[in-house]
Amino acid sequence: MSFLKKLFGGGVSKDVAAEKTAQPVEYKGYQITPCPIPEGGQFRISARIDGLVNGEPKSHTLIRADVLRDPEEAAEASVGKAKQMIDQMGDQIF
């Protein structure tokens, strides 16, 4: 039975796959960490944005309504949405 699970994608949970994609990205002085949220077999776009404001560390969690089936695509989209938010809002994010 475990052979069939591995053959059809049951060997590695999608939660573990999503965690492997969470590589931080530096962008305009901010650090973006994609953290797609597993939800009903799909992944909701989400990222954590960290930065320094007046020497004080700040963090913001971005969560979007968009969901994607592939965890890597969700991670890439999460970084893209975070970059867009940084471009539009800068330090006002925090």
PDB file of N, CA and C in Angstrom:
ATOM      1  N   MET A   1       0.822  -1.195   0.000  1.00  0.00           N
ATOM      2  CA  MET A   1       0.000   0.000   0.000  1.00  0.00           C
ATOM      3  C   MET A   1       0.868   1.261   0.000  1.00  0.00           C
ATOM      4  N   SER A   2       1.994   1.279   0.739  1.00  0.00           N
ATOM      5  CA  SER A   2       2.834   2.465   0.777  1.00  0.00           C
ATOM      6  C   SER A   2       3.453   2.751  -0.590  1.00  0.00           C
ATOM      7  N   PHE A   3       3.679   1.694  -1.386  1.00  0.00           N
ATOM      8  CA  PHE A   3       4.192   1.899  -2.740  1.00  0.00           C
ATOM      9  C   PHE A   3       3.200   2.718  -3.559  1.00  0.00           C
ATOM     10  N   LEU A   4       1.917   2.403  -3.441  1.00  0.00           N
ATOM     11  CA  LEU A   4       0.894   3.138  -4.183  1.00  0.00           C
ATOM     12  C   LEU A   4       0.784   4.581  -3.700  1.00  0.00           C
ATOM     13  N   LYS A   5       0.931   4.778  -2.394  1.00  0.00           N
ATOM     14  CA  LYS A   5       0.890   6.150  -1.854  1.00  0.00           C
ATOM     15  C   LYS A   5       2.017   6.996  -2.452  1.00  0.00           C
ATOM     16  N   LYS A   6       3.215   6.413  -2.487  1.00  0.00           N
ATOM     17  CA  LYS A   6       4.356   7.147  -3.038  1.00  0.00           C
ATOM     18  C   LYS A   6       4.181   7.388  -4.533  1.00  0.00           C
ATOM     19  N   LEU A   7       3.639   6.387  -5.224  1.00  0.00           N
ATOM     20  CA  LEU A   7       3.441   6.494  -6.657  1.00  0.00           C
ATOM     21  C   LEU A   7       2.463   7.612  -7.012  1.00  0.00           C
ATOM     22  N   PHE A   8       1.425   7.756  -6.210  1.00  0.00           N
ATOM     23  CA  PHE A   8       0.397   8.752  -6.491  1.00  0.00           C
ATOM     24  C   PHE A   8       0.514  10.007  -5.635  1.00  0.00           C
ATOM     25  N   GLY A   9       1.685  10.247  -5.070  1.00  0.00           N
ATOM     26  CA  GLY A   9       1.921  11.509  -4.380  1.00  0.00           C
ATOM     27  C   GLY A   9       1.580  11.498  -2.907  1.00  0.00           C
ATOM     28  N   GLY A  10       1.308  10.361  -2.319  1.00  0.00           N
ATOM     29  CA  GLY A  10       0.961  10.311  -0.904  1.00  0.00           C
ATOM     30  C   GLY A  10       2.158  10.147   0.001  1.00  0.00           C
ATOM     31  N   GLY A  11       3.371  10.024  -0.570  1.00  0.00           N
ATOM     32  CA  GLY A  11       4.560   9.781   0.228  1.00  0.00           C
ATOM     33  C   GLY A  11       5.036  10.992   1.003  1.00  0.00           C
ATOM     34  N   VAL A  12       4.886  12.174   0.452  1.00  0.00           N
ATOM     35  CA  VAL A  12       5.309  13.411   1.108  1.00  0.00           C
ATOM     36  C   VAL A  12       4.084  14.307   1.216  1.00  0.00           C
ATOM     37  N   SER A  13       3.817  14.754   2.425  1.00  0.00           N
ATOM     38  CA  SER A  13       2.637  15.607   2.594  1.00  0.00           C
ATOM     39  C   SER A  13       2.877  16.958   1.939  1.00  0.00           C
ATOM     40  N   LYS A  14       1.819  17.613   1.498  1.00  0.00           N
ATOM     41  CA  LYS A  14       1.941  18.930   0.875  1.00  0.00           C
ATOM     42  C   LYS A  14       2.404  19.958   1.891  1.00  0.00           C
ATOM     43  N   ASP A  15       2.139  19.726   3.186  1.00  0.00           N
ATOM     44  CA  ASP A  15       2.618  20.644   4.219  1.00  0.00           C
ATOM     45  C   ASP A  15       4.141  20.676   4.224  1.00  0.00           C
ATOM     46  N   VAL A  16       4.760  19.485   4.128  1.00  0.00           N
ATOM     47  CA  VAL A  16       6.220  19.404   4.113  1.00  0.00           C
ATOM     48  C   VAL A  16       6.752  20.061   2.852  1.00  0.00           C
ATOM     49  N   ALA A  17       6.089  19.835   1.715  1.00  0.00           N
ATOM     50  CA  ALA A  17       6.523  20.444   0.459  1.00  0.00           C
ATOM     51  C   ALA A  17       6.467  21.963   0.553  1.00  0.00           C
ATOM     52  N   ALA A  18       5.446  22.501   1.187  1.00  0.00           N
ATOM     53  CA  ALA A  18       5.325  23.954   1.328  1.00  0.00           C
ATOM     54  C   ALA A  18       6.443  24.506   2.198  1.00  0.00           C
ATOM     55  N   GLU A  19       6.818  23.780   3.261  1.00  0.00           N
ATOM     56  CA  GLU A  19       7.886  24.247   4.142  1.00  0.00           C
ATOM     57  C   GLU A  19       9.215  24.297   3.406  1.00  0.00           C
ATOM     58  N   LYS A  20       9.454  23.366   2.476  1.00  0.00           N
ATOM     59  CA  LYS A  20      10.714  23.339   1.742  1.00  0.00           C
ATOM     60  C   LYS A  20      10.851  24.540   0.820  1.00  0.00           C
ATOM     61  N   THR A  21       9.738  25.126   0.396  1.00  0.00           N
ATOM     62  CA  THR A  21       9.789  26.244  -0.533  1.00  0.00           C
ATOM     63  C   THR A  21      10.034  27.578   0.167  1.00  0.00           C
ATOM     64  N   ALA A  22      10.014  27.612   1.483  1.00  0.00           N
ATOM     65  CA  ALA A  22      10.074  28.869   2.231  1.00  0.00           C
ATOM     66  C   ALA A  22      11.502  29.396   2.337  1.00  0.00           C
ATOM     67  N   GLN A  23      12.069  29.840   1.211  1.00  0.00           N
ATOM     68  CA  GLN A  23      13.398  30.441   1.212  1.00  0.00           C
ATOM     69  C   GLN A  23      13.234  31.958   1.253  1.00  0.00           C
ATOM     70  N   PRO A  24      13.808  32.611   2.265  1.00  0.00           N
ATOM     71  CA  PRO A  24      13.689  34.075   2.362  1.00  0.00           C
ATOM     72  C   PRO A  24      14.313  34.778   1.161  1.00  0.00           C
ATOM     73  N   VAL A  25      13.705  35.895   0.784  1.00  0.00           N
ATOM     74  CA  VAL A  25      14.168  36.695  -0.349  1.00  0.00           C
ATOM     75  C   VAL A  25      14.373  38.122   0.141  1.00  0.00           C
ATOM     76  N   GLU A  26      15.527  38.720  -0.190  1.00  0.00           N
ATOM     77  CA  GLU A  26      15.793  40.114   0.142  1.00  0.00           C
ATOM     78  C   GLU A  26      15.238  40.989  -0.977  1.00  0.00           C
ATOM     79  N   TYR A  27      14.541  42.072  -0.606  1.00  0.00           N
ATOM     80  CA  TYR A  27      13.984  42.983  -1.591  1.00  0.00           C
ATOM     81  C   TYR A  27      13.889  44.381  -0.996  1.00  0.00           C
ATOM     82  N   LYS A  28      14.645  45.309  -1.561  1.00  0.00           N
ATOM     83  CA  LYS A  28      14.632  46.719  -1.157  1.00  0.00           C
ATOM     84  C   LYS A  28      14.779  46.912   0.359  1.00  0.00           C
ATOM     85  N   GLY A  29      15.664  46.134   0.976  1.00  0.00           N
ATOM     86  CA  GLY A  29      15.913  46.277   2.408  1.00  0.00           C
ATOM     87  C   GLY A  29      14.959  45.488   3.290  1.00  0.00           C
ATOM     88  N   TYR A  30      14.036  44.763   2.698  1.00  0.00           N
ATOM     89  CA  TYR A  30      13.085  43.934   3.446  1.00  0.00           C
ATOM     90  C   TYR A  30      13.414  42.467   3.194  1.00  0.00           C
ATOM     91  N   GLN A  31      13.001  41.630   4.111  1.00  0.00           N
ATOM     92  CA  GLN A  31      13.145  40.188   3.922  1.00  0.00           C
ATOM     93  C   GLN A  31      11.748  39.595   3.772  1.00  0.00           C
ATOM     94  N   ILE A  32      11.533  38.891   2.678  1.00  0.00           N
ATOM     95  CA  ILE A  32      10.242  38.262   2.390  1.00  0.00           C
ATOM     96  C   ILE A  32      10.403  36.762   2.556  1.00  0.00           C
ATOM     97  N   THR A  33       9.566  36.173   3.404  1.00  0.00           N
ATOM     98  CA  THR A  33       9.567  34.730   3.578  1.00  0.00           C
ATOM     99  C   THR A  33       8.209  34.193   3.134  1.00  0.00           C
ATOM    100  N   PRO A  34       8.188  33.474   2.007  1.00  0.00           N
ATOM    101  CA  PRO A  34       6.912  32.924   1.559  1.00  0.00           C
ATOM    102  C   PRO A  34       6.460  31.820   2.504  1.00  0.00           C
ATOM    103  N   CYS A  35       5.202  31.815   2.872  1.00  0.00           N
ATOM    104  CA  CYS A  35       4.661  30.762   3.734  1.00  0.00           C
ATOM    105  C   CYS A  35       3.229  30.451   3.299  1.00  0.00           C
ATOM    106  N   PRO A  36       3.096  29.807   2.115  1.00  0.00           N
ATOM    107  CA  PRO A  36       1.765  29.449   1.640  1.00  0.00           C
ATOM    108  C   PRO A  36       1.029  28.606   2.674  1.00  0.00           C
ATOM    109  N   ILE A  37      -0.274  28.848   2.797  1.00  0.00           N
ATOM    110  CA  ILE A  37      -1.081  28.164   3.802  1.00  0.00           C
ATOM    111  C   ILE A  37      -1.838  27.005   3.141  1.00  0.00           C
ATOM    112  N   PRO A  38      -1.554  25.762   3.570  1.00  0.00           N
ATOM    113  CA  PRO A  38      -2.298  24.628   3.010  1.00  0.00           C
ATOM    114  C   PRO A  38      -3.776  24.744   3.361  1.00  0.00           C
ATOM    115  N   GLU A  39      -4.617  24.565   2.344  1.00  0.00           N
ATOM    116  CA  GLU A  39      -6.045  24.717   2.569  1.00  0.00           C
ATOM    117  C   GLU A  39      -6.819  23.895   1.544  1.00  0.00           C
ATOM    118  N   GLY A  40      -7.421  22.813   1.985  1.00  0.00           N
ATOM    119  CA  GLY A  40      -8.265  22.003   1.113  1.00  0.00           C
ATOM    120  C   GLY A  40      -7.561  21.464  -0.118  1.00  0.00           C
ATOM    121  N   GLY A  41      -6.333  21.022   0.013  1.00  0.00           N
ATOM    122  CA  GLY A  41      -5.589  20.491  -1.123  1.00  0.00           C
ATOM    123  C   GLY A  41      -4.949  21.556  -1.995  1.00  0.00           C
ATOM    124  N   GLN A  42      -5.095  22.817  -1.618  1.00  0.00           N
ATOM    125  CA  GLN A  42      -4.479  23.917  -2.345  1.00  0.00           C
ATOM    126  C   GLN A  42      -3.670  24.754  -1.356  1.00  0.00           C
ATOM    127  N   PHE A  43      -3.074  25.836  -1.855  1.00  0.00           N
ATOM    128  CA  PHE A  43      -2.239  26.677  -1.010  1.00  0.00           C
ATOM    129  C   PHE A  43      -2.615  28.140  -1.180  1.00  0.00           C
ATOM    130  N   ARG A  44      -2.962  28.763  -0.060  1.00  0.00           N
ATOM    131  CA  ARG A  44      -3.320  30.183  -0.066  1.00  0.00           C
ATOM    132  C   ARG A  44      -2.041  31.013  -0.082  1.00  0.00           C
ATOM    133  N   ILE A  45      -2.022  32.076  -0.875  1.00  0.00           N
ATOM    134  CA  ILE A  45      -0.864  32.961  -0.971  1.00  0.00           C
ATOM    135  C   ILE A  45      -0.674  33.685   0.359  1.00  0.00           C
ATOM    136  N   SER A  46       0.531  33.547   0.907  1.00  0.00           N
ATOM    137  CA  SER A  46       0.851  34.175   2.191  1.00  0.00           C
ATOM    138  C   SER A  46       2.365  34.355   2.294  1.00  0.00           C
ATOM    139  N   ALA A  47       2.779  35.444   2.920  1.00  0.00           N
ATOM    140  CA  ALA A  47       4.202  35.707   3.127  1.00  0.00           C
ATOM    141  C   ALA A  47       4.378  36.581   4.364  1.00  0.00           C
ATOM    142  N   ARG A  48       5.552  36.467   4.960  1.00  0.00           N
ATOM    143  CA  ARG A  48       5.917  37.338   6.078  1.00  0.00           C
ATOM    144  C   ARG A  48       6.938  38.343   5.550  1.00  0.00           C
ATOM    145  N   ILE A  49       6.703  39.613   5.840  1.00  0.00           N
ATOM    146  CA  ILE A  49       7.612  40.679   5.430  1.00  0.00           C
ATOM    147  C   ILE A  49       8.266  41.236   6.691  1.00  0.00           C
ATOM    148  N   ASP A  50       9.592  41.180   6.742  1.00  0.00           N
ATOM    149  CA  ASP A  50      10.347  41.696   7.888  1.00  0.00           C
ATOM    150  C   ASP A  50      11.196  42.874   7.436  1.00  0.00           C
ATOM    151  N   GLY A  51      11.305  43.861   8.315  1.00  0.00           N
ATOM    152  CA  GLY A  51      12.128  45.018   8.010  1.00  0.00           C
ATOM    153  C   GLY A  51      12.446  45.809   9.265  1.00  0.00           C
ATOM    154  N   LEU A  52      13.341  46.767   9.123  1.00  0.00           N
ATOM    155  CA  LEU A  52      13.697  47.658  10.225  1.00  0.00           C
ATOM    156  C   LEU A  52      13.089  49.029   9.971  1.00  0.00           C
ATOM    157  N   VAL A  53      12.383  49.541  10.959  1.00  0.00           N
ATOM    158  CA  VAL A  53      11.803  50.882  10.877  1.00  0.00           C
ATOM    159  C   VAL A  53      12.325  51.659  12.080  1.00  0.00           C
ATOM    160  N   ASN A  54      13.095  52.716  11.799  1.00  0.00           N
ATOM    161  CA  ASN A  54      13.727  53.507  12.867  1.00  0.00           C
ATOM    162  C   ASN A  54      14.546  52.637  13.811  1.00  0.00           C
ATOM    163  N   GLY A  55      15.248  51.654  13.244  1.00  0.00           N
ATOM    164  CA  GLY A  55      16.098  50.769  14.027  1.00  0.00           C
ATOM    165  C   GLY A  55      15.355  49.684  14.782  1.00  0.00           C
ATOM    166  N   GLU A  56      14.047  49.628  14.639  1.00  0.00           N
ATOM    167  CA  GLU A  56      13.238  48.642  15.357  1.00  0.00           C
ATOM    168  C   GLU A  56      12.749  47.569  14.375  1.00  0.00           C
ATOM    169  N   PRO A  57      12.970  46.282  14.696  1.00  0.00           N
ATOM    170  CA  PRO A  57      12.492  45.221  13.798  1.00  0.00           C
ATOM    171  C   PRO A  57      10.962  45.165  13.770  1.00  0.00           C
ATOM    172  N   LYS A  58      10.424  45.079  12.559  1.00  0.00           N
ATOM    173  CA  LYS A  58       8.975  45.000  12.364  1.00  0.00           C
ATOM    174  C   LYS A  58       8.668  43.805  11.467  1.00  0.00           C
ATOM    175  N   SER A  59       7.451  43.272  11.609  1.00  0.00           N
ATOM    176  CA  SER A  59       7.026  42.143  10.800  1.00  0.00           C
ATOM    177  C   SER A  59       5.562  42.318  10.407  1.00  0.00           C
ATOM    178  N   HIS A  60       5.249  41.919   9.183  1.00  0.00           N
ATOM    179  CA  HIS A  60       3.871  41.978   8.693  1.00  0.00           C
ATOM    180  C   HIS A  60       3.573  40.666   7.978  1.00  0.00           C
ATOM    181  N   THR A  61       2.392  40.095   8.225  1.00  0.00           N
ATOM    182  CA  THR A  61       1.977  38.877   7.539  1.00  0.00           C
ATOM    183  C   THR A  61       0.961  39.241   6.468  1.00  0.00           C
ATOM    184  N   LEU A  62       1.295  38.882   5.250  1.00  0.00           N
ATOM    185  CA  LEU A  62       0.439  39.117   4.092  1.00  0.00           C
ATOM    186  C   LEU A  62      -0.338  37.841   3.803  1.00  0.00           C
ATOM    187  N   ILE A  63      -1.658  37.921   3.744  1.00  0.00           N
ATOM    188  CA  ILE A  63      -2.492  36.773   3.390  1.00  0.00           C
ATOM    189  C   ILE A  63      -3.469  37.235   2.315  1.00  0.00           C
ATOM    190  N   ARG A  64      -3.493  36.520   1.199  1.00  0.00           N
ATOM    191  CA  ARG A  64      -4.364  36.859   0.082  1.00  0.00           C
ATOM    192  C   ARG A  64      -5.453  35.794  -0.058  1.00  0.00           C
ATOM    193  N   ALA A  65      -6.496  36.119  -0.781  1.00  0.00           N
ATOM    194  CA  ALA A  65      -7.596  35.185  -1.019  1.00  0.00           C
ATOM    195  C   ALA A  65      -7.236  34.155  -2.094  1.00  0.00           C
ATOM    196  N   ASP A  66      -6.226  34.450  -2.913  1.00  0.00           N
ATOM    197  CA  ASP A  66      -5.849  33.575  -4.022  1.00  0.00           C
ATOM    198  C   ASP A  66      -5.333  32.237  -3.514  1.00  0.00           C
ATOM    199  N   VAL A  67      -5.713  31.146  -4.180  1.00  0.00           N
ATOM    200  CA  VAL A  67      -5.187  29.818  -3.867  1.00  0.00           C
ATOM    201  C   VAL A  67      -4.662  29.176  -5.140  1.00  0.00           C
ATOM    202  N   LEU A  68      -3.592  28.409  -4.984  1.00  0.00           N
ATOM    203  CA  LEU A  68      -2.974  27.692  -6.099  1.00  0.00           C
ATOM    204  C   LEU A  68      -2.772  26.236  -5.698  1.00  0.00           C
ATOM    205  N   ARG A  69      -2.707  25.358  -6.674  1.00  0.00           N
ATOM    206  CA  ARG A  69      -2.570  23.927  -6.391  1.00  0.00           C
ATOM    207  C   ARG A  69      -1.137  23.538  -6.044  1.00  0.00           C
ATOM    208  N   ASP A  70      -0.166  24.194  -6.642  1.00  0.00           N
ATOM    209  CA  ASP A  70       1.236  23.810  -6.472  1.00  0.00           C
ATOM    210  C   ASP A  70       1.899  24.673  -5.395  1.00  0.00           C
ATOM    211  N   PRO A  71       2.555  24.060  -4.410  1.00  0.00           N
ATOM    212  CA  PRO A  71       3.169  24.848  -3.329  1.00  0.00           C
ATOM    213  C   PRO A  71       4.293  25.761  -3.814  1.00  0.00           C
ATOM    214  N   GLU A  72       5.061  25.323  -4.821  1.00  0.00           N
ATOM    215  CA  GLU A  72       6.135  26.177  -5.337  1.00  0.00           C
ATOM    216  C   GLU A  72       5.559  27.401  -6.045  1.00  0.00           C
ATOM    217  N   GLU A  73       4.505  27.204  -6.826  1.00  0.00           N
ATOM    218  CA  GLU A  73       3.859  28.336  -7.495  1.00  0.00           C
ATOM    219  C   GLU A  73       3.265  29.299  -6.475  1.00  0.00           C
ATOM    220  N   ALA A  74       2.681  28.734  -5.415  1.00  0.00           N
ATOM    221  CA  ALA A  74       2.108  29.575  -4.358  1.00  0.00           C
ATOM    222  C   ALA A  74       3.202  30.384  -3.664  1.00  0.00           C
ATOM    223  N   ALA A  75       4.370  29.773  -3.454  1.00  0.00           N
ATOM    224  CA  ALA A  75       5.489  30.490  -2.828  1.00  0.00           C
ATOM    225  C   ALA A  75       5.971  31.621  -3.728  1.00  0.00           C
ATOM    226  N   GLU A  76       6.094  31.354  -5.038  1.00  0.00           N
ATOM    227  CA  GLU A  76       6.522  32.394  -5.980  1.00  0.00           C
ATOM    228  C   GLU A  76       5.509  33.535  -6.035  1.00  0.00           C
ATOM    229  N   ALA A  77       4.231  33.174  -6.066  1.00  0.00           N
ATOM    230  CA  ALA A  77       3.182  34.201  -6.100  1.00  0.00           C
ATOM    231  C   ALA A  77       3.171  35.006  -4.804  1.00  0.00           C
ATOM    232  N   SER A  78       3.463  34.348  -3.688  1.00  0.00           N
ATOM    233  CA  SER A  78       3.509  35.030  -2.396  1.00  0.00           C
ATOM    234  C   SER A  78       4.611  36.079  -2.381  1.00  0.00           C
ATOM    235  N   VAL A  79       5.771  35.738  -2.916  1.00  0.00           N
ATOM    236  CA  VAL A  79       6.886  36.686  -2.991  1.00  0.00           C
ATOM    237  C   VAL A  79       6.517  37.844  -3.914  1.00  0.00           C
ATOM    238  N   GLY A  80       5.888  37.526  -5.040  1.00  0.00           N
ATOM    239  CA  GLY A  80       5.479  38.571  -5.980  1.00  0.00           C
ATOM    240  C   GLY A  80       4.497  39.554  -5.365  1.00  0.00           C
ATOM    241  N   LYS A  81       3.510  39.047  -4.632  1.00  0.00           N
ATOM    242  CA  LYS A  81       2.526  39.929  -3.988  1.00  0.00           C
ATOM    243  C   LYS A  81       3.184  40.761  -2.886  1.00  0.00           C
ATOM    244  N   ALA A  82       4.139  40.162  -2.170  1.00  0.00           N
ATOM    245  CA  ALA A  82       4.844  40.904  -1.122  1.00  0.00           C
ATOM    246  C   ALA A  82       5.672  42.034  -1.731  1.00  0.00           C
ATOM    247  N   LYS A  83       6.339  41.758  -2.854  1.00  0.00           N
ATOM    248  CA  LYS A  83       7.118  42.802  -3.534  1.00  0.00           C
ATOM    249  C   LYS A  83       6.207  43.937  -3.987  1.00  0.00           C
ATOM    250  N   GLN A  84       5.052  43.578  -4.510  1.00  0.00           N
ATOM    251  CA  GLN A  84       4.090  44.582  -4.956  1.00  0.00           C
ATOM    252  C   GLN A  84       3.649  45.461  -3.780  1.00  0.00           C
ATOM    253  N   MET A  85       3.405  44.839  -2.642  1.00  0.00           N
ATOM    254  CA  MET A  85       2.982  45.586  -1.455  1.00  0.00           C
ATOM    255  C   MET A  85       4.098  46.514  -0.970  1.00  0.00           C
ATOM    256  N   ILE A  86       5.333  46.030  -1.004  1.00  0.00           N
ATOM    257  CA  ILE A  86       6.476  46.857  -0.602  1.00  0.00           C
ATOM    258  C   ILE A  86       6.597  48.055  -1.531  1.00  0.00           C
ATOM    259  N   ASP A  87       6.459  47.828  -2.840  1.00  0.00           N
ATOM    260  CA  ASP A  87       6.543  48.918  -3.812  1.00  0.00           C
ATOM    261  C   ASP A  87       5.465  49.974  -3.567  1.00  0.00           C
ATOM    262  N   GLN A  88       4.280  49.516  -3.213  1.00  0.00           N
ATOM    263  CA  GLN A  88       3.151  50.438  -3.030  1.00  0.00           C
ATOM    264  C   GLN A  88       3.152  51.151  -1.681  1.00  0.00           C
ATOM    265  N   MET A  89       3.601  50.447  -0.628  1.00  0.00           N
ATOM    266  CA  MET A  89       3.424  50.997   0.723  1.00  0.00           C
ATOM    267  C   MET A  89       4.723  51.307   1.465  1.00  0.00           C
ATOM    268  N   GLY A  90       5.809  50.666   1.124  1.00  0.00           N
ATOM    269  CA  GLY A  90       7.070  50.887   1.845  1.00  0.00           C
ATOM    270  C   GLY A  90       6.917  50.592   3.336  1.00  0.00           C
ATOM    271  N   ASP A  91       7.445  51.473   4.184  1.00  0.00           N
ATOM    272  CA  ASP A  91       7.403  51.263   5.633  1.00  0.00           C
ATOM    273  C   ASP A  91       5.989  51.363   6.218  1.00  0.00           C
ATOM    274  N   GLN A  92       5.041  51.887   5.451  1.00  0.00           N
ATOM    275  CA  GLN A  92       3.657  51.971   5.935  1.00  0.00           C
ATOM    276  C   GLN A  92       3.021  50.594   6.100  1.00  0.00           C
ATOM    277  N   ILE A  93       3.653  49.559   5.607  1.00  0.00           N
ATOM    278  CA  ILE A  93       3.169  48.191   5.790  1.00  0.00           C
ATOM    279  C   ILE A  93       3.012  47.893   7.281  1.00  0.00           C
ATOM    280  N   PHE A  94       3.984  48.415   8.053  1.00  0.00           N
ATOM    281  CA  PHE A  94       4.016  48.099   9.472  1.00  0.00           C
ATOM    282  C   PHE A  94       3.205  49.104  10.253  1.00  0.00           C
TER     283      PHE A  94
END
